Structure formats: C-alpha cells, structure tokens
C-alpha cells in the first residue's frame, strides 16, 4: 500500500512540475511572442541571408528562421512558444 501511495505521489509531482514548466517558460500571448521574434529578427538585418519570422498555429509558436536560395529547408534559429490556454 505504501508503494502505491509513493507511485501516485511521484506521478502527481511529475505532472505538477510539467504544468508549471509549461506555464512559466512560455510567453503570455501570441502578440508578445511575435514582438520578441521580430526584435530578434532586427538584430539579424545586417548579416547576409534571408531571415524571417513565421507563425506556426499547430504548435503555438513563432519561429525565427534563415532560408537560403537553393532548395534546402530553412534553418530554425529560435522558437518563441506562447501559452495556448
């Protein structure tokens, strides 16, 4: 019985920690994430390359990326995740 109680306590602690990490590490809104993405983007304007910010609605984040002229996929530089709920 003590083992079952210990397993439930560890499971509860893990779930609580994951929820706290999710809410404490994300931006409060999509607008705030967008502003931070474009702020970082302005620091890349002087470098050669094609940089941009794009909104990914499925993962609820703004993505700062660098694309190149050839047919290769874009390189993701930084992700700005925002709270969905």
Protein backbone atom coordinates (compact mmCIF):
# COMPACT_ATOMS: atom_id res chain seq x y z
CA UNK A 1 0.00 0.00 0.00
CA UNK A 2 2.88 2.35 0.76
CA UNK A 3 4.41 1.62 -2.62
CA UNK A 4 1.19 2.53 -4.45
CA UNK A 5 0.97 5.77 -2.46
CA UNK A 6 4.59 6.58 -3.33
CA UNK A 7 3.98 5.94 -7.04
CA UNK A 8 0.94 8.25 -7.03
CA UNK A 9 2.89 10.97 -5.24
CA UNK A 10 5.76 10.78 -7.72
CA UNK A 11 3.31 10.81 -10.64
CA UNK A 12 1.47 13.81 -9.17
CA UNK A 13 4.75 15.66 -8.61
CA UNK A 14 5.86 14.97 -12.17
CA UNK A 15 2.58 16.19 -13.68
CA UNK A 16 2.60 19.30 -11.49
CA UNK A 17 6.20 20.07 -12.47
CA UNK A 18 5.45 19.72 -16.18
CA UNK A 19 2.44 22.03 -15.94
CA UNK A 20 4.47 24.64 -14.06
CA UNK A 21 7.31 24.47 -16.58
CA UNK A 22 4.83 24.87 -19.45
CA UNK A 23 3.20 27.96 -17.98
CA UNK A 24 6.31 29.61 -16.58
CA UNK A 25 8.54 29.30 -19.67
CA UNK A 26 6.10 30.45 -22.38
CA UNK A 27 5.17 33.96 -23.45
CA UNK A 28 1.79 35.18 -22.26
CA UNK A 29 0.32 35.79 -25.71
CA UNK A 30 0.97 35.30 -29.41
CA UNK A 31 1.45 39.05 -29.74
CA UNK A 32 4.25 39.03 -27.16
CA UNK A 33 5.95 36.10 -28.89
CA UNK A 34 5.60 37.89 -32.24
CA UNK A 35 7.16 41.07 -30.86
CA UNK A 36 10.12 39.15 -29.44
CA UNK A 37 10.63 37.25 -32.68
CA UNK A 38 10.72 40.47 -34.69
CA UNK A 39 13.01 42.05 -32.10
CA UNK A 40 15.49 39.22 -32.60
CA UNK A 41 14.96 39.50 -36.36
CA UNK A 42 16.07 43.14 -36.32
CA UNK A 43 19.45 42.07 -34.92
CA UNK A 44 19.98 39.83 -37.99
CA UNK A 45 19.27 42.54 -40.59
CA UNK A 46 22.93 43.44 -41.13
CA UNK A 47 24.03 39.86 -41.81
CA UNK A 48 23.85 38.24 -45.24
CA UNK A 49 20.97 35.80 -45.59
CA UNK A 50 17.23 35.70 -45.74
CA UNK A 51 15.81 35.81 -42.20
CA UNK A 52 12.17 35.85 -41.24
CA UNK A 53 9.55 35.17 -38.56
CA UNK A 54 6.68 32.79 -39.15
CA UNK A 55 3.69 31.85 -37.04
CA UNK A 56 3.06 28.13 -36.54
CA UNK A 57 -0.54 27.74 -35.36
CA UNK A 58 -0.30 24.00 -34.76
CA UNK A 59 2.49 24.25 -32.20
CA UNK A 60 1.52 27.73 -30.91
CA UNK A 61 4.85 29.41 -31.51
CA UNK A 62 6.63 31.99 -33.61
CA UNK A 63 9.73 30.74 -35.39
CA UNK A 64 12.79 32.79 -36.36
CA UNK A 65 14.38 31.13 -39.37
CA UNK A 66 17.02 31.59 -42.04
CA UNK A 67 16.19 30.42 -45.54
CA UNK A 68 18.60 30.03 -48.40
CA UNK A 69 18.11 30.48 -52.13
CA UNK A 70 18.65 26.85 -53.07
CA UNK A 71 16.03 24.16 -52.46
CA UNK A 72 17.23 23.22 -48.95
CA UNK A 73 14.94 23.54 -45.92
CA UNK A 74 15.13 26.65 -43.78
CA UNK A 75 17.32 26.65 -40.68
CA UNK A 76 15.41 27.34 -37.45
CA UNK A 77 17.28 29.80 -35.26
CA UNK A 78 14.92 30.30 -32.32
CA UNK A 79 11.37 29.34 -31.29
CA UNK A 80 9.07 31.63 -29.31
CA UNK A 81 6.37 29.49 -27.70
CA UNK A 82 3.30 31.13 -26.22
CA UNK A 83 0.60 29.88 -23.88
CA UNK A 84 -2.32 28.28 -25.65
CA UNK A 85 -4.84 28.19 -22.80
